[in-house]
Amino acid sequence: MTVLPSRWLDRALAVVSGAVMVFFALAYVTQPPVPDDSAAGLTLVGVVVAHAVLAVRSTHPRIAVVVAALGGATAAAAGFAAPVVALPFALYSLVVTAVDVWWPLGLTAGAVGLLTVARLVGTRSDVGGNLAVRDAAIVLAAVAVGAWARAHRRAGRQAVELEAAVRIAEQR
């Protein structure tokens, strides 16, 4: 079985972003004040799960979005303040590959809502609102870039099809 280059790229993205986020999670759980063991464990589990799913984001984008949102929300609810970057990557892939607009819109709204609630519960301070707004802005930016890329690809395909139709008409 041959693996497409895009799948290798997805797996490399999962490994690199996961390694960076695990580094941030480890730095978070080891800095004073050290959260209790359950919060540290939840943070690490949430970050690892959220980024591991990026390996299948091109083949199963809906599953990747749901798992990344749940993993990111788990880490946020445990008090992890850094943005979990797996969710924007997964949503970008969903928006680019979706046939209709309803799945991306619904999953984006659900993910932003879940992450916002988790941030507000996890931080228990005035900073929670700011972190929730930051996370929502990152997610919405990824969705907007995905929509732009989808439109750009569609325009490119239409231009190629039009050029082919013109060539066929000229040959006749």
C-alpha atoms as a PDB file:
ATOM      1  CA  MET A   1       0.000   0.000   0.000  1.00  0.00           C
ATOM      2  CA  THR A   2       1.410   3.345  -1.055  1.00  0.00           C
ATOM      3  CA  VAL A   3       0.983   6.290   1.277  1.00  0.00           C
ATOM      4  CA  LEU A   4       0.293   9.595  -0.423  1.00  0.00           C
ATOM      5  CA  PRO A   5       2.694  12.480   0.271  1.00  0.00           C
ATOM      6  CA  SER A   6      -0.145  14.469   1.884  1.00  0.00           C
ATOM      7  CA  ARG A   7      -0.543  11.724   4.474  1.00  0.00           C
ATOM      8  CA  TRP A   8       3.167  11.906   5.259  1.00  0.00           C
ATOM      9  CA  LEU A   9       2.797  15.653   5.581  1.00  0.00           C
ATOM     10  CA  ASP A  10      -0.154  15.166   7.947  1.00  0.00           C
ATOM     11  CA  ARG A  11       1.826  12.739  10.057  1.00  0.00           C
ATOM     12  CA  ALA A  12       4.839  15.066  10.163  1.00  0.00           C
ATOM     13  CA  LEU A  13       2.557  17.940  11.168  1.00  0.00           C
ATOM     14  CA  ALA A  14       1.066  15.794  13.919  1.00  0.00           C
ATOM     15  CA  VAL A  15       4.503  14.871  15.246  1.00  0.00           C
ATOM     16  CA  VAL A  16       5.953  18.392  15.134  1.00  0.00           C
ATOM     17  CA  SER A  17       2.934  20.230  16.541  1.00  0.00           C
ATOM     18  CA  GLY A  18       2.434  17.491  19.120  1.00  0.00           C
ATOM     19  CA  ALA A  19       6.053  17.691  20.232  1.00  0.00           C
ATOM     20  CA  VAL A  20       5.834  21.476  20.596  1.00  0.00           C
ATOM     21  CA  MET A  21       2.577  21.273  22.528  1.00  0.00           C
ATOM     22  CA  VAL A  22       3.851  18.483  24.794  1.00  0.00           C
ATOM     23  CA  PHE A  23       6.868  20.684  25.518  1.00  0.00           C
ATOM     24  CA  PHE A  24       4.531  23.546  26.477  1.00  0.00           C
ATOM     25  CA  ALA A  25       2.369  21.196  28.543  1.00  0.00           C
ATOM     26  CA  LEU A  26       5.386  19.806  30.401  1.00  0.00           C
ATOM     27  CA  ALA A  27       6.658  23.326  31.026  1.00  0.00           C
ATOM     28  CA  TYR A  28       3.212  24.250  32.350  1.00  0.00           C
ATOM     29  CA  VAL A  29       2.856  21.313  34.710  1.00  0.00           C
ATOM     30  CA  THR A  30       6.382  21.654  36.111  1.00  0.00           C
ATOM     31  CA  GLN A  31       6.353  25.396  36.823  1.00  0.00           C
ATOM     32  CA  PRO A  32       5.265  26.693  40.205  1.00  0.00           C
ATOM     33  CA  PRO A  33       2.549  26.610  41.277  1.00  0.00           C
ATOM     34  CA  VAL A  34       2.399  22.977  40.286  1.00  0.00           C
ATOM     35  CA  PRO A  35      -1.189  21.867  39.749  1.00  0.00           C
ATOM     36  CA  ASP A  36      -2.334  18.682  41.377  1.00  0.00           C
ATOM     37  CA  ASP A  37      -1.499  15.412  39.632  1.00  0.00           C
ATOM     38  CA  SER A  38      -4.939  15.064  38.047  1.00  0.00           C
ATOM     39  CA  ALA A  39      -4.697  18.487  36.370  1.00  0.00           C
ATOM     40  CA  ALA A  40      -1.190  17.737  35.103  1.00  0.00           C
ATOM     41  CA  GLY A  41      -2.283  14.367  33.782  1.00  0.00           C
ATOM     42  CA  LEU A  42      -5.382  15.822  32.114  1.00  0.00           C
ATOM     43  CA  THR A  43      -3.285  18.522  30.482  1.00  0.00           C
ATOM     44  CA  LEU A  44      -0.837  16.024  29.003  1.00  0.00           C
ATOM     45  CA  VAL A  45      -3.569  13.628  27.881  1.00  0.00           C
ATOM     46  CA  GLY A  46      -5.585  16.423  26.272  1.00  0.00           C
ATOM     47  CA  VAL A  47      -2.601  17.847  24.410  1.00  0.00           C
ATOM     48  CA  VAL A  48      -1.334  14.465  23.195  1.00  0.00           C
ATOM     49  CA  VAL A  49      -4.769  13.279  22.038  1.00  0.00           C
ATOM     50  CA  ALA A  50      -5.555  16.576  20.307  1.00  0.00           C
ATOM     51  CA  HIS A  51      -2.340  16.493  18.302  1.00  0.00           C
ATOM     52  CA  ALA A  52      -2.145  12.768  17.613  1.00  0.00           C
ATOM     53  CA  VAL A  53      -5.384  12.975  15.661  1.00  0.00           C
ATOM     54  CA  LEU A  54      -3.744  15.316  13.134  1.00  0.00           C
ATOM     55  CA  ALA A  55      -2.211  12.229  11.548  1.00  0.00           C
ATOM     56  CA  VAL A  56      -5.642  11.384  10.106  1.00  0.00           C
ATOM     57  CA  ARG A  57      -6.945  14.875   9.403  1.00  0.00           C
ATOM     58  CA  SER A  58      -6.858  14.461   5.615  1.00  0.00           C
ATOM     59  CA  THR A  59      -8.666  11.111   5.615  1.00  0.00           C
ATOM     60  CA  HIS A  60     -11.106  11.716   8.500  1.00  0.00           C
ATOM     61  CA  PRO A  61     -11.424  15.492   8.963  1.00  0.00           C
ATOM     62  CA  ARG A  62     -14.673  15.416  10.975  1.00  0.00           C
ATOM     63  CA  ILE A  63     -13.268  12.927  13.460  1.00  0.00           C
ATOM     64  CA  ALA A  64     -10.064  14.975  13.678  1.00  0.00           C
ATOM     65  CA  VAL A  65     -12.026  18.130  14.518  1.00  0.00           C
ATOM     66  CA  VAL A  66     -14.123  16.430  17.204  1.00  0.00           C
ATOM     67  CA  VAL A  67     -11.143  14.715  18.855  1.00  0.00           C
ATOM     68  CA  ALA A  68      -8.959  17.847  18.643  1.00  0.00           C
ATOM     69  CA  ALA A  69     -11.746  19.923  20.212  1.00  0.00           C
ATOM     70  CA  LEU A  70     -12.234  17.408  23.020  1.00  0.00           C
ATOM     71  CA  GLY A  71      -8.484  17.136  23.653  1.00  0.00           C
ATOM     72  CA  GLY A  72      -8.024  20.896  23.603  1.00  0.00           C
ATOM     73  CA  ALA A  73     -10.999  21.403  25.903  1.00  0.00           C
ATOM     74  CA  THR A  74      -9.633  18.790  28.314  1.00  0.00           C
ATOM     75  CA  ALA A  75      -6.291  20.590  28.492  1.00  0.00           C
ATOM     76  CA  ALA A  76      -7.985  23.994  28.808  1.00  0.00           C
ATOM     77  CA  ALA A  77     -10.275  22.755  31.584  1.00  0.00           C
ATOM     78  CA  ALA A  78      -7.181  21.528  33.439  1.00  0.00           C
ATOM     79  CA  GLY A  79      -5.802  25.080  33.308  1.00  0.00           C
ATOM     80  CA  PHE A  80      -3.464  24.857  30.296  1.00  0.00           C
ATOM     81  CA  ALA A  81      -3.159  28.427  29.032  1.00  0.00           C
ATOM     82  CA  ALA A  82      -1.311  27.932  25.722  1.00  0.00           C
ATOM     83  CA  PRO A  83      -3.454  27.597  22.604  1.00  0.00           C
ATOM     84  CA  VAL A  84      -3.862  24.011  21.438  1.00  0.00           C
ATOM     85  CA  VAL A  85      -2.978  24.347  17.753  1.00  0.00           C
ATOM     86  CA  ALA A  86      -4.422  21.007  16.647  1.00  0.00           C
ATOM     87  CA  LEU A  87      -7.974  22.348  16.443  1.00  0.00           C
ATOM     88  CA  PRO A  88      -7.236  25.117  13.916  1.00  0.00           C
ATOM     89  CA  PHE A  89      -5.276  22.650  11.738  1.00  0.00           C
ATOM     90  CA  ALA A  90      -8.102  20.116  11.861  1.00  0.00           C
ATOM     91  CA  LEU A  91     -10.756  22.738  11.073  1.00  0.00           C
ATOM     92  CA  TYR A  92      -8.690  24.067   8.178  1.00  0.00           C
ATOM     93  CA  SER A  93      -8.583  20.572   6.684  1.00  0.00           C
ATOM     94  CA  LEU A  94     -12.315  20.130   7.161  1.00  0.00           C
ATOM     95  CA  VAL A  95     -13.161  23.442   5.507  1.00  0.00           C
ATOM     96  CA  VAL A  96     -10.874  22.772   2.538  1.00  0.00           C
ATOM     97  CA  THR A  97     -12.238  19.269   1.896  1.00  0.00           C
ATOM     98  CA  ALA A  98     -15.917  19.658   2.836  1.00  0.00           C
ATOM     99  CA  VAL A  99     -18.526  19.249   0.123  1.00  0.00           C
ATOM    100  CA  ASP A 100     -21.025  21.556   1.816  1.00  0.00           C
ATOM    101  CA  VAL A 101     -20.717  24.362   4.318  1.00  0.00           C
ATOM    102  CA  TRP A 102     -22.903  22.944   7.109  1.00  0.00           C
ATOM    103  CA  TRP A 103     -20.431  20.476   8.654  1.00  0.00           C
ATOM    104  CA  PRO A 104     -17.637  23.052   8.960  1.00  0.00           C
ATOM    105  CA  LEU A 105     -19.979  25.698  10.371  1.00  0.00           C
ATOM    106  CA  GLY A 106     -21.554  23.371  12.903  1.00  0.00           C
ATOM    107  CA  LEU A 107     -18.277  21.860  14.055  1.00  0.00           C
ATOM    108  CA  THR A 108     -16.615  25.285  14.250  1.00  0.00           C
ATOM    109  CA  ALA A 109     -19.421  26.674  16.403  1.00  0.00           C
ATOM    110  CA  GLY A 110     -19.410  23.609  18.631  1.00  0.00           C
ATOM    111  CA  ALA A 111     -15.627  23.592  19.003  1.00  0.00           C
ATOM    112  CA  VAL A 112     -15.450  27.299  19.826  1.00  0.00           C
ATOM    113  CA  GLY A 113     -18.257  26.942  22.365  1.00  0.00           C
ATOM    114  CA  LEU A 114     -16.673  23.897  24.005  1.00  0.00           C
ATOM    115  CA  LEU A 115     -13.238  25.507  24.145  1.00  0.00           C
ATOM    116  CA  THR A 116     -14.677  28.749  25.546  1.00  0.00           C
ATOM    117  CA  VAL A 117     -16.482  26.961  28.357  1.00  0.00           C
ATOM    118  CA  ALA A 118     -13.373  24.894  29.114  1.00  0.00           C
ATOM    119  CA  ARG A 119     -11.190  28.019  29.236  1.00  0.00           C
ATOM    120  CA  LEU A 120     -13.563  29.794  31.588  1.00  0.00           C
ATOM    121  CA  VAL A 121     -13.793  26.742  33.869  1.00  0.00           C
ATOM    122  CA  GLY A 122     -10.070  25.951  33.739  1.00  0.00           C
ATOM    123  CA  THR A 123      -8.556  29.356  34.413  1.00  0.00           C
ATOM    124  CA  ARG A 124     -10.861  30.555  37.196  1.00  0.00           C
ATOM    125  CA  SER A 125      -9.584  34.094  36.810  1.00  0.00           C
ATOM    126  CA  ASP A 126     -10.033  37.279  34.817  1.00  0.00           C
ATOM    127  CA  VAL A 127      -7.662  35.942  32.179  1.00  0.00           C
ATOM    128  CA  GLY A 128     -10.076  33.173  31.105  1.00  0.00           C
ATOM    129  CA  GLY A 129     -12.161  35.492  28.947  1.00  0.00           C
ATOM    130  CA  ASN A 130      -9.085  36.823  27.173  1.00  0.00           C
ATOM    131  CA  LEU A 131      -7.816  33.295  26.521  1.00  0.00           C
ATOM    132  CA  ALA A 132     -11.216  32.256  25.180  1.00  0.00           C
ATOM    133  CA  VAL A 133     -11.293  35.228  22.800  1.00  0.00           C
ATOM    134  CA  ARG A 134      -7.744  34.425  21.659  1.00  0.00           C
ATOM    135  CA  ASP A 135      -8.639  30.788  21.011  1.00  0.00           C
ATOM    136  CA  ALA A 136     -11.796  31.765  19.114  1.00  0.00           C
ATOM    137  CA  ALA A 137      -9.816  34.221  16.974  1.00  0.00           C
ATOM    138  CA  ILE A 138      -7.215  31.564  16.107  1.00  0.00           C
ATOM    139  CA  VAL A 139      -9.917  29.039  15.203  1.00  0.00           C
ATOM    140  CA  LEU A 140     -11.887  31.534  13.106  1.00  0.00           C
ATOM    141  CA  ALA A 141      -8.729  32.649  11.312  1.00  0.00           C
ATOM    142  CA  ALA A 142      -7.964  29.033  10.397  1.00  0.00           C
ATOM    143  CA  VAL A 143     -11.512  28.558   9.110  1.00  0.00           C
ATOM    144  CA  ALA A 144     -11.271  31.772   7.057  1.00  0.00           C
ATOM    145  CA  VAL A 145      -7.946  30.708   5.526  1.00  0.00           C
ATOM    146  CA  GLY A 146      -9.444  27.292   4.759  1.00  0.00           C
ATOM    147  CA  ALA A 147     -12.441  28.907   3.036  1.00  0.00           C
ATOM    148  CA  TRP A 148     -10.109  31.100   0.998  1.00  0.00           C
ATOM    149  CA  ALA A 149      -7.979  28.092  -0.004  1.00  0.00           C
ATOM    150  CA  ARG A 150     -11.088  26.140  -0.988  1.00  0.00           C
ATOM    151  CA  ALA A 151     -12.355  29.003  -3.155  1.00  0.00           C
ATOM    152  CA  HIS A 152      -8.912  29.437  -4.715  1.00  0.00           C
ATOM    153  CA  ARG A 153      -8.683  25.735  -5.566  1.00  0.00           C
ATOM    154  CA  ARG A 154     -12.196  25.731  -7.007  1.00  0.00           C
ATOM    155  CA  ALA A 155     -11.398  28.749  -9.187  1.00  0.00           C
ATOM    156  CA  GLY A 156      -8.253  27.013 -10.426  1.00  0.00           C
ATOM    157  CA  ARG A 157     -10.200  23.868 -11.333  1.00  0.00           C
ATOM    158  CA  GLN A 158     -12.830  25.914 -13.148  1.00  0.00           C
ATOM    159  CA  ALA A 159     -10.146  27.755 -15.122  1.00  0.00           C
ATOM    160  CA  VAL A 160      -8.580  24.436 -16.193  1.00  0.00           C
ATOM    161  CA  GLU A 161     -11.973  23.046 -17.201  1.00  0.00           C
ATOM    162  CA  LEU A 162     -12.795  26.186 -19.174  1.00  0.00           C
ATOM    163  CA  GLU A 163      -9.444  26.041 -20.952  1.00  0.00           C
ATOM    164  CA  ALA A 164     -10.029  22.390 -21.843  1.00  0.00           C
ATOM    165  CA  ALA A 165     -13.497  23.198 -23.183  1.00  0.00           C
ATOM    166  CA  VAL A 166     -12.081  26.004 -25.320  1.00  0.00           C
ATOM    167  CA  ARG A 167      -9.406  23.682 -26.762  1.00  0.00           C
ATOM    168  CA  ILE A 168     -12.002  21.036 -27.591  1.00  0.00           C
ATOM    169  CA  ALA A 169     -14.198  23.653 -29.261  1.00  0.00           C
ATOM    170  CA  GLU A 170     -11.222  24.940 -31.301  1.00  0.00           C
ATOM    171  CA  GLN A 171     -10.392  21.427 -32.465  1.00  0.00           C
ATOM    172  CA  ARG A 172     -13.916  20.935 -33.784  1.00  0.00           C
END
